[in-house]
Amino acid sequence: MINEQSEQLLGAWVTDPFDRSSIERFGQVQMVFEPNGKLTYIIIGNETNKIMLLSFRVEGDSLVTNQDLLRVKIEHVLH
């Protein structure tokens, strides 16, 4: 079950093509947040895409992602 803060992230998000700083730092990225707490993170390449299957939740002002297979917890501060 996800919380109210997590619900605000649901859907597909893409890197702003006019945000040069983000493109240089992260590349062209699409993130798909699902109601079941799953996150599909796609790095869009010229010829192929790289896909990471993650889980997510929001704790306070941080987005917490886990790569289930590696048991790694990563926190990102939300702005």
C-alpha atoms as a PDB file:
ATOM      1  CA  MET A   1       0.000   0.000   0.000  1.00  0.00           C
ATOM      2  CA  ILE A   2       1.422   3.402  -0.922  1.00  0.00           C
ATOM      3  CA  ASN A   3       0.894   6.630   0.979  1.00  0.00           C
ATOM      4  CA  GLU A   4      -0.687   9.900  -0.176  1.00  0.00           C
ATOM      5  CA  GLN A   5       2.697  11.430  -1.022  1.00  0.00           C
ATOM      6  CA  SER A   6       3.552   8.444  -3.218  1.00  0.00           C
ATOM      7  CA  GLU A   7       0.228   8.757  -5.050  1.00  0.00           C
ATOM      8  CA  GLN A   8       1.341  12.158  -6.350  1.00  0.00           C
ATOM      9  CA  LEU A   9       4.106  10.430  -8.325  1.00  0.00           C
ATOM     10  CA  LEU A  10       1.897   7.869 -10.082  1.00  0.00           C
ATOM     11  CA  GLY A  11       2.109   7.787 -13.859  1.00  0.00           C
ATOM     12  CA  ALA A  12       4.874   8.344 -16.379  1.00  0.00           C
ATOM     13  CA  TRP A  13       7.508  11.067 -16.000  1.00  0.00           C
ATOM     14  CA  VAL A  14      10.172  12.026 -18.540  1.00  0.00           C
ATOM     15  CA  THR A  15      13.259  14.219 -18.484  1.00  0.00           C
ATOM     16  CA  ASP A  16      12.440  17.741 -19.674  1.00  0.00           C
ATOM     17  CA  PRO A  17      14.119  17.925 -23.100  1.00  0.00           C
ATOM     18  CA  PHE A  18      14.840  21.642 -22.537  1.00  0.00           C
ATOM     19  CA  ASP A  19      16.555  21.082 -19.166  1.00  0.00           C
ATOM     20  CA  ARG A  20      20.120  20.763 -20.394  1.00  0.00           C
ATOM     21  CA  SER A  21      21.521  20.221 -16.906  1.00  0.00           C
ATOM     22  CA  SER A  22      19.243  17.213 -16.291  1.00  0.00           C
ATOM     23  CA  ILE A  23      19.930  15.734 -19.722  1.00  0.00           C
ATOM     24  CA  GLU A  24      23.698  16.024 -19.149  1.00  0.00           C
ATOM     25  CA  ARG A  25      23.461  14.586 -15.630  1.00  0.00           C
ATOM     26  CA  PHE A  26      20.884  11.802 -16.110  1.00  0.00           C
ATOM     27  CA  GLY A  27      20.405  11.416 -19.867  1.00  0.00           C
ATOM     28  CA  GLN A  28      16.990  11.036 -21.421  1.00  0.00           C
ATOM     29  CA  VAL A  29      14.998   9.120 -18.807  1.00  0.00           C
ATOM     30  CA  GLN A  30      11.433   7.890 -18.362  1.00  0.00           C
ATOM     31  CA  MET A  31      10.111   6.752 -14.983  1.00  0.00           C
ATOM     32  CA  VAL A  32       6.813   4.926 -14.593  1.00  0.00           C
ATOM     33  CA  PHE A  33       5.424   4.870 -11.038  1.00  0.00           C
ATOM     34  CA  GLU A  34       2.706   2.248 -10.439  1.00  0.00           C
ATOM     35  CA  PRO A  35       0.082   2.054  -7.655  1.00  0.00           C
ATOM     36  CA  ASN A  36       1.600  -1.211  -6.384  1.00  0.00           C
ATOM     37  CA  GLY A  37       4.851   0.583  -5.446  1.00  0.00           C
ATOM     38  CA  LYS A  38       6.775  -0.577  -8.524  1.00  0.00           C
ATOM     39  CA  LEU A  39       8.953   1.801 -10.528  1.00  0.00           C
ATOM     40  CA  THR A  40      10.193   1.167 -14.052  1.00  0.00           C
ATOM     41  CA  TYR A  41      13.238   3.373 -14.732  1.00  0.00           C
ATOM     42  CA  ILE A  42      14.158   3.587 -18.416  1.00  0.00           C
ATOM     43  CA  ILE A  43      17.327   5.215 -19.739  1.00  0.00           C
ATOM     44  CA  ILE A  44      16.551   6.002 -23.354  1.00  0.00           C
ATOM     45  CA  GLY A  45      19.484   5.356 -25.673  1.00  0.00           C
ATOM     46  CA  ASN A  46      20.074   6.053 -29.339  1.00  0.00           C
ATOM     47  CA  GLU A  47      19.759   2.401 -30.315  1.00  0.00           C
ATOM     48  CA  THR A  48      18.710   0.568 -27.145  1.00  0.00           C
ATOM     49  CA  ASN A  49      17.118   1.381 -23.811  1.00  0.00           C
ATOM     50  CA  LYS A  50      18.320   0.287 -20.384  1.00  0.00           C
ATOM     51  CA  ILE A  51      15.520  -0.727 -18.020  1.00  0.00           C
ATOM     52  CA  MET A  52      15.693  -1.039 -14.241  1.00  0.00           C
ATOM     53  CA  LEU A  53      12.843  -2.561 -12.260  1.00  0.00           C
ATOM     54  CA  LEU A  54      12.612  -0.970  -8.817  1.00  0.00           C
ATOM     55  CA  SER A  55      10.225  -0.492  -5.944  1.00  0.00           C
ATOM     56  CA  PHE A  56       9.587   2.937  -4.408  1.00  0.00           C
ATOM     57  CA  ARG A  57       8.066   4.792  -1.484  1.00  0.00           C
ATOM     58  CA  VAL A  58       8.133   8.333  -0.129  1.00  0.00           C
ATOM     59  CA  GLU A  59       9.470   8.946   3.380  1.00  0.00           C
ATOM     60  CA  GLY A  60       9.136  12.593   4.417  1.00  0.00           C
ATOM     61  CA  ASP A  61      10.772  14.613   1.639  1.00  0.00           C
ATOM     62  CA  SER A  62      12.746  11.670   0.235  1.00  0.00           C
ATOM     63  CA  LEU A  63      11.974   9.271  -2.579  1.00  0.00           C
ATOM     64  CA  VAL A  64      13.306   5.873  -1.510  1.00  0.00           C
ATOM     65  CA  THR A  65      13.975   3.334  -4.250  1.00  0.00           C
ATOM     66  CA  ASN A  66      15.062  -0.264  -3.899  1.00  0.00           C
ATOM     67  CA  GLN A  67      16.489  -2.464  -6.580  1.00  0.00           C
ATOM     68  CA  ASP A  68      14.869  -5.640  -5.330  1.00  0.00           C
ATOM     69  CA  LEU A  69      17.447  -8.060  -6.712  1.00  0.00           C
ATOM     70  CA  LEU A  70      20.414  -6.223  -5.186  1.00  0.00           C
ATOM     71  CA  ARG A  71      18.725  -5.220  -1.916  1.00  0.00           C
ATOM     72  CA  VAL A  72      20.058  -1.679  -2.332  1.00  0.00           C
ATOM     73  CA  LYS A  73      18.230   1.286  -0.778  1.00  0.00           C
ATOM     74  CA  ILE A  74      18.716   4.692  -2.419  1.00  0.00           C
ATOM     75  CA  GLU A  75      17.215   7.957  -1.136  1.00  0.00           C
ATOM     76  CA  HIS A  76      16.582  11.067  -3.265  1.00  0.00           C
ATOM     77  CA  VAL A  77      15.449  14.383  -1.764  1.00  0.00           C
ATOM     78  CA  LEU A  78      12.263  15.629  -3.461  1.00  0.00           C
ATOM     79  CA  HIS A  79      12.000  19.294  -4.457  1.00  0.00           C
END
